[in-house]
Amino acid sequence: MGDLREQFPGVVLWFGSHTGRFWALVRVAGFPRLVEAITPQELAMAIRAPRGWPWPPQ
């Protein structure tokens, strides 16, 4: 998670010990969005693609 925190300062990031997933709270078009991912790499992709909602792509 340290790498993600460095890449995305100001984004709230955490690992859910009960869900086993990585999470981020991001802003898209001024609104908060909760993002869930299986891996840190997937979470980084989701944070970088704010127009790609819903995430993951269906």
PDB file of N, CA and C in Angstrom:
ATOM      1  N   MET A   1       0.820  -1.196   0.000  1.00  0.00           N
ATOM      2  CA  MET A   1       0.000   0.000   0.000  1.00  0.00           C
ATOM      3  C   MET A   1       0.863   1.259   0.000  1.00  0.00           C
ATOM      4  N   GLY A   2       2.082   1.134   0.468  1.00  0.00           N
ATOM      5  CA  GLY A   2       2.953   2.298   0.500  1.00  0.00           C
ATOM      6  C   GLY A   2       3.163   2.900  -0.874  1.00  0.00           C
ATOM      7  N   ASP A   3       3.346   2.046  -1.889  1.00  0.00           N
ATOM      8  CA  ASP A   3       3.519   2.542  -3.252  1.00  0.00           C
ATOM      9  C   ASP A   3       2.282   3.299  -3.720  1.00  0.00           C
ATOM     10  N   LEU A   4       1.108   2.763  -3.414  1.00  0.00           N
ATOM     11  CA  LEU A   4      -0.132   3.433  -3.816  1.00  0.00           C
ATOM     12  C   LEU A   4      -0.276   4.774  -3.124  1.00  0.00           C
ATOM     13  N   ARG A   5       0.083   4.825  -1.855  1.00  0.00           N
ATOM     14  CA  ARG A   5      -0.013   6.089  -1.120  1.00  0.00           C
ATOM     15  C   ARG A   5       0.915   7.147  -1.718  1.00  0.00           C
ATOM     16  N   GLU A   6       2.074   6.714  -2.196  1.00  0.00           N
ATOM     17  CA  GLU A   6       2.996   7.652  -2.838  1.00  0.00           C
ATOM     18  C   GLU A   6       2.465   8.102  -4.197  1.00  0.00           C
ATOM     19  N   GLN A   7       1.855   7.187  -4.937  1.00  0.00           N
ATOM     20  CA  GLN A   7       1.331   7.506  -6.267  1.00  0.00           C
ATOM     21  C   GLN A   7       0.101   8.400  -6.214  1.00  0.00           C
ATOM     22  N   PHE A   8      -0.699   8.241  -5.156  1.00  0.00           N
ATOM     23  CA  PHE A   8      -1.974   8.951  -5.080  1.00  0.00           C
ATOM     24  C   PHE A   8      -2.119   9.685  -3.750  1.00  0.00           C
ATOM     25  N   PRO A   9      -1.287  10.716  -3.528  1.00  0.00           N
ATOM     26  CA  PRO A   9      -1.417  11.471  -2.283  1.00  0.00           C
ATOM     27  C   PRO A   9      -2.794  12.134  -2.221  1.00  0.00           C
ATOM     28  N   GLY A  10      -3.379  12.114  -1.074  1.00  0.00           N
ATOM     29  CA  GLY A  10      -4.697  12.724  -0.904  1.00  0.00           C
ATOM     30  C   GLY A  10      -5.852  11.765  -1.135  1.00  0.00           C
ATOM     31  N   VAL A  11      -5.578  10.580  -1.690  1.00  0.00           N
ATOM     32  CA  VAL A  11      -6.620   9.572  -1.878  1.00  0.00           C
ATOM     33  C   VAL A  11      -6.616   8.665  -0.646  1.00  0.00           C
ATOM     34  N   VAL A  12      -7.783   8.441  -0.072  1.00  0.00           N
ATOM     35  CA  VAL A  12      -7.889   7.561   1.089  1.00  0.00           C
ATOM     36  C   VAL A  12      -7.847   6.120   0.583  1.00  0.00           C
ATOM     37  N   LEU A  13      -6.875   5.344   1.066  1.00  0.00           N
ATOM     38  CA  LEU A  13      -6.663   3.962   0.635  1.00  0.00           C
ATOM     39  C   LEU A  13      -6.621   3.048   1.846  1.00  0.00           C
ATOM     40  N   TRP A  14      -7.142   1.827   1.690  1.00  0.00           N
ATOM     41  CA  TRP A  14      -7.029   0.848   2.763  1.00  0.00           C
ATOM     42  C   TRP A  14      -7.253  -0.562   2.238  1.00  0.00           C
ATOM     43  N   PHE A  15      -6.806  -1.533   3.046  1.00  0.00           N
ATOM     44  CA  PHE A  15      -7.055  -2.942   2.773  1.00  0.00           C
ATOM     45  C   PHE A  15      -8.099  -3.406   3.760  1.00  0.00           C
ATOM     46  N   GLY A  16      -9.158  -3.996   3.264  1.00  0.00           N
ATOM     47  CA  GLY A  16     -10.232  -4.493   4.127  1.00  0.00           C
ATOM     48  C   GLY A  16      -9.898  -5.876   4.663  1.00  0.00           C
ATOM     49  N   SER A  17      -9.610  -5.953   5.941  1.00  0.00           N
ATOM     50  CA  SER A  17      -9.218  -7.244   6.512  1.00  0.00           C
ATOM     51  C   SER A  17     -10.360  -8.261   6.464  1.00  0.00           C
ATOM     52  N   HIS A  18     -11.596  -7.809   6.491  1.00  0.00           N
ATOM     53  CA  HIS A  18     -12.738  -8.730   6.412  1.00  0.00           C
ATOM     54  C   HIS A  18     -13.094  -9.080   4.974  1.00  0.00           C
ATOM     55  N   THR A  19     -12.924  -8.133   4.069  1.00  0.00           N
ATOM     56  CA  THR A  19     -13.282  -8.386   2.672  1.00  0.00           C
ATOM     57  C   THR A  19     -12.125  -8.994   1.883  1.00  0.00           C
ATOM     58  N   GLY A  20     -10.904  -8.739   2.343  1.00  0.00           N
ATOM     59  CA  GLY A  20      -9.740  -9.202   1.613  1.00  0.00           C
ATOM     60  C   GLY A  20      -9.520  -8.425   0.324  1.00  0.00           C
ATOM     61  N   ARG A  21     -10.076  -7.220   0.245  1.00  0.00           N
ATOM     62  CA  ARG A  21      -9.978  -6.382  -0.959  1.00  0.00           C
ATOM     63  C   ARG A  21      -9.301  -5.067  -0.633  1.00  0.00           C
ATOM     64  N   PHE A  22      -8.814  -4.425  -1.688  1.00  0.00           N
ATOM     65  CA  PHE A  22      -8.205  -3.102  -1.580  1.00  0.00           C
ATOM     66  C   PHE A  22      -9.272  -2.069  -1.921  1.00  0.00           C
ATOM     67  N   TRP A  23      -9.260  -0.955  -1.201  1.00  0.00           N
ATOM     68  CA  TRP A  23     -10.296   0.064  -1.340  1.00  0.00           C
ATOM     69  C   TRP A  23      -9.681   1.441  -1.492  1.00  0.00           C
ATOM     70  N   ALA A  24     -10.423   2.330  -2.166  1.00  0.00           N
ATOM     71  CA  ALA A  24     -10.023   3.737  -2.285  1.00  0.00           C
ATOM     72  C   ALA A  24     -11.282   4.589  -2.316  1.00  0.00           C
ATOM     73  N   LEU A  25     -11.180   5.769  -1.753  1.00  0.00           N
ATOM     74  CA  LEU A  25     -12.253   6.755  -1.831  1.00  0.00           C
ATOM     75  C   LEU A  25     -11.736   7.860  -2.739  1.00  0.00           C
ATOM     76  N   VAL A  26     -12.332   7.967  -3.925  1.00  0.00           N
ATOM     77  CA  VAL A  26     -11.889   8.939  -4.927  1.00  0.00           C
ATOM     78  C   VAL A  26     -13.034   9.878  -5.267  1.00  0.00           C
ATOM     79  N   ARG A  27     -12.699  10.987  -5.919  1.00  0.00           N
ATOM     80  CA  ARG A  27     -13.718  11.931  -6.371  1.00  0.00           C
ATOM     81  C   ARG A  27     -13.815  11.852  -7.885  1.00  0.00           C
ATOM     82  N   VAL A  28     -15.030  11.702  -8.372  1.00  0.00           N
ATOM     83  CA  VAL A  28     -15.297  11.656  -9.806  1.00  0.00           C
ATOM     84  C   VAL A  28     -16.365  12.697 -10.089  1.00  0.00           C
ATOM     85  N   ALA A  29     -16.035  13.648 -10.929  1.00  0.00           N
ATOM     86  CA  ALA A  29     -16.953  14.742 -11.262  1.00  0.00           C
ATOM     87  C   ALA A  29     -17.464  15.421  -9.992  1.00  0.00           C
ATOM     88  N   GLY A  30     -16.583  15.543  -9.000  1.00  0.00           N
ATOM     89  CA  GLY A  30     -16.932  16.241  -7.769  1.00  0.00           C
ATOM     90  C   GLY A  30     -17.664  15.404  -6.746  1.00  0.00           C
ATOM     91  N   PHE A  31     -17.937  14.142  -7.054  1.00  0.00           N
ATOM     92  CA  PHE A  31     -18.663  13.277  -6.130  1.00  0.00           C
ATOM     93  C   PHE A  31     -17.753  12.163  -5.625  1.00  0.00           C
ATOM     94  N   PRO A  32     -17.883  11.776  -4.350  1.00  0.00           N
ATOM     95  CA  PRO A  32     -17.054  10.682  -3.833  1.00  0.00           C
ATOM     96  C   PRO A  32     -17.512   9.338  -4.395  1.00  0.00           C
ATOM     97  N   ARG A  33     -16.549   8.498  -4.732  1.00  0.00           N
ATOM     98  CA  ARG A  33     -16.830   7.146  -5.214  1.00  0.00           C
ATOM     99  C   ARG A  33     -15.964   6.170  -4.427  1.00  0.00           C
ATOM    100  N   LEU A  34     -16.538   5.070  -4.030  1.00  0.00           N
ATOM    101  CA  LEU A  34     -15.813   4.019  -3.340  1.00  0.00           C
ATOM    102  C   LEU A  34     -15.397   2.984  -4.376  1.00  0.00           C
ATOM    103  N   VAL A  35     -14.113   2.670  -4.417  1.00  0.00           N
ATOM    104  CA  VAL A  35     -13.568   1.742  -5.406  1.00  0.00           C
ATOM    105  C   VAL A  35     -13.039   0.508  -4.681  1.00  0.00           C
ATOM    106  N   GLU A  36     -13.385  -0.654  -5.193  1.00  0.00           N
ATOM    107  CA  GLU A  36     -12.923  -1.926  -4.646  1.00  0.00           C
ATOM    108  C   GLU A  36     -12.100  -2.645  -5.707  1.00  0.00           C
ATOM    109  N   ALA A  37     -11.003  -3.275  -5.299  1.00  0.00           N
ATOM    110  CA  ALA A  37     -10.169  -4.020  -6.244  1.00  0.00           C
ATOM    111  C   ALA A  37      -9.580  -5.242  -5.558  1.00  0.00           C
ATOM    112  N   ILE A  38      -9.225  -6.218  -6.369  1.00  0.00           N
ATOM    113  CA  ILE A  38      -8.656  -7.451  -5.843  1.00  0.00           C
ATOM    114  C   ILE A  38      -7.166  -7.293  -5.552  1.00  0.00           C
ATOM    115  N   THR A  39      -6.479  -6.508  -6.394  1.00  0.00           N
ATOM    116  CA  THR A  39      -5.030  -6.321  -6.229  1.00  0.00           C
ATOM    117  C   THR A  39      -4.703  -4.832  -6.171  1.00  0.00           C
ATOM    118  N   PRO A  40      -3.539  -4.490  -5.632  1.00  0.00           N
ATOM    119  CA  PRO A  40      -3.127  -3.085  -5.652  1.00  0.00           C
ATOM    120  C   PRO A  40      -2.996  -2.549  -7.080  1.00  0.00           C
ATOM    121  N   GLN A  41      -2.558  -3.391  -8.007  1.00  0.00           N
ATOM    122  CA  GLN A  41      -2.412  -2.962  -9.394  1.00  0.00           C
ATOM    123  C   GLN A  41      -3.774  -2.618 -10.001  1.00  0.00           C
ATOM    124  N   GLU A  42      -4.771  -3.432  -9.710  1.00  0.00           N
ATOM    125  CA  GLU A  42      -6.116  -3.155 -10.215  1.00  0.00           C
ATOM    126  C   GLU A  42      -6.666  -1.870  -9.600  1.00  0.00           C
ATOM    127  N   LEU A  43      -6.386  -1.654  -8.332  1.00  0.00           N
ATOM    128  CA  LEU A  43      -6.844  -0.432  -7.676  1.00  0.00           C
ATOM    129  C   LEU A  43      -6.194   0.790  -8.323  1.00  0.00           C
ATOM    130  N   ALA A  44      -4.914   0.709  -8.622  1.00  0.00           N
ATOM    131  CA  ALA A  44      -4.230   1.822  -9.289  1.00  0.00           C
ATOM    132  C   ALA A  44      -4.859   2.098 -10.649  1.00  0.00           C
ATOM    133  N   MET A  45      -5.188   1.046 -11.395  1.00  0.00           N
ATOM    134  CA  MET A  45      -5.836   1.236 -12.704  1.00  0.00           C
ATOM    135  C   MET A  45      -7.185   1.931 -12.538  1.00  0.00           C
ATOM    136  N   ALA A  46      -7.942   1.556 -11.532  1.00  0.00           N
ATOM    137  CA  ALA A  46      -9.256   2.156 -11.306  1.00  0.00           C
ATOM    138  C   ALA A  46      -9.136   3.625 -10.928  1.00  0.00           C
ATOM    139  N   ILE A  47      -8.153   3.951 -10.106  1.00  0.00           N
ATOM    140  CA  ILE A  47      -7.966   5.342  -9.687  1.00  0.00           C
ATOM    141  C   ILE A  47      -7.546   6.201 -10.877  1.00  0.00           C
ATOM    142  N   ARG A  48      -6.742   5.641 -11.772  1.00  0.00           N
ATOM    143  CA  ARG A  48      -6.265   6.401 -12.934  1.00  0.00           C
ATOM    144  C   ARG A  48      -7.336   6.574 -14.008  1.00  0.00           C
ATOM    145  N   ALA A  49      -8.386   5.789 -13.975  1.00  0.00           N
ATOM    146  CA  ALA A  49      -9.418   5.824 -15.021  1.00  0.00           C
ATOM    147  C   ALA A  49     -10.745   6.306 -14.444  1.00  0.00           C
ATOM    148  N   PRO A  50     -10.820   7.563 -14.012  1.00  0.00           N
ATOM    149  CA  PRO A  50     -12.045   8.033 -13.352  1.00  0.00           C
ATOM    150  C   PRO A  50     -13.273   8.007 -14.248  1.00  0.00           C
ATOM    151  N   ARG A  51     -13.085   7.988 -15.553  1.00  0.00           N
ATOM    152  CA  ARG A  51     -14.233   7.943 -16.459  1.00  0.00           C
ATOM    153  C   ARG A  51     -14.695   6.518 -16.707  1.00  0.00           C
ATOM    154  N   GLY A  52     -13.945   5.541 -16.206  1.00  0.00           N
ATOM    155  CA  GLY A  52     -14.254   4.145 -16.454  1.00  0.00           C
ATOM    156  C   GLY A  52     -15.212   3.534 -15.447  1.00  0.00           C
ATOM    157  N   TRP A  53     -16.209   4.284 -15.019  1.00  0.00           N
ATOM    158  CA  TRP A  53     -17.158   3.763 -14.031  1.00  0.00           C
ATOM    159  C   TRP A  53     -18.332   3.133 -14.737  1.00  0.00           C
ATOM    160  N   PRO A  54     -18.891   2.105 -14.218  1.00  0.00           N
ATOM    161  CA  PRO A  54     -18.506   1.479 -12.941  1.00  0.00           C
ATOM    162  C   PRO A  54     -17.225   0.682 -13.081  1.00  0.00           C
ATOM    163  N   TRP A  55     -16.542   0.493 -11.988  1.00  0.00           N
ATOM    164  CA  TRP A  55     -15.317  -0.292 -11.963  1.00  0.00           C
ATOM    165  C   TRP A  55     -15.576  -1.541 -11.182  1.00  0.00           C
ATOM    166  N   PRO A  56     -15.083  -2.678 -11.544  1.00  0.00           N
ATOM    167  CA  PRO A  56     -14.406  -2.916 -12.799  1.00  0.00           C
ATOM    168  C   PRO A  56     -15.384  -2.881 -13.970  1.00  0.00           C
ATOM    169  N   PRO A  57     -14.861  -2.671 -15.166  1.00  0.00           N
ATOM    170  CA  PRO A  57     -15.740  -2.619 -16.334  1.00  0.00           C
ATOM    171  C   PRO A  57     -16.538  -3.908 -16.477  1.00  0.00           C
ATOM    172  N   GLN A  58     -17.750  -3.774 -16.877  1.00  0.00           N
ATOM    173  CA  GLN A  58     -18.646  -4.939 -17.024  1.00  0.00           C
ATOM    174  C   GLN A  58     -18.479  -5.573 -18.376  1.00  0.00           C
TER     175      GLN A  58
END
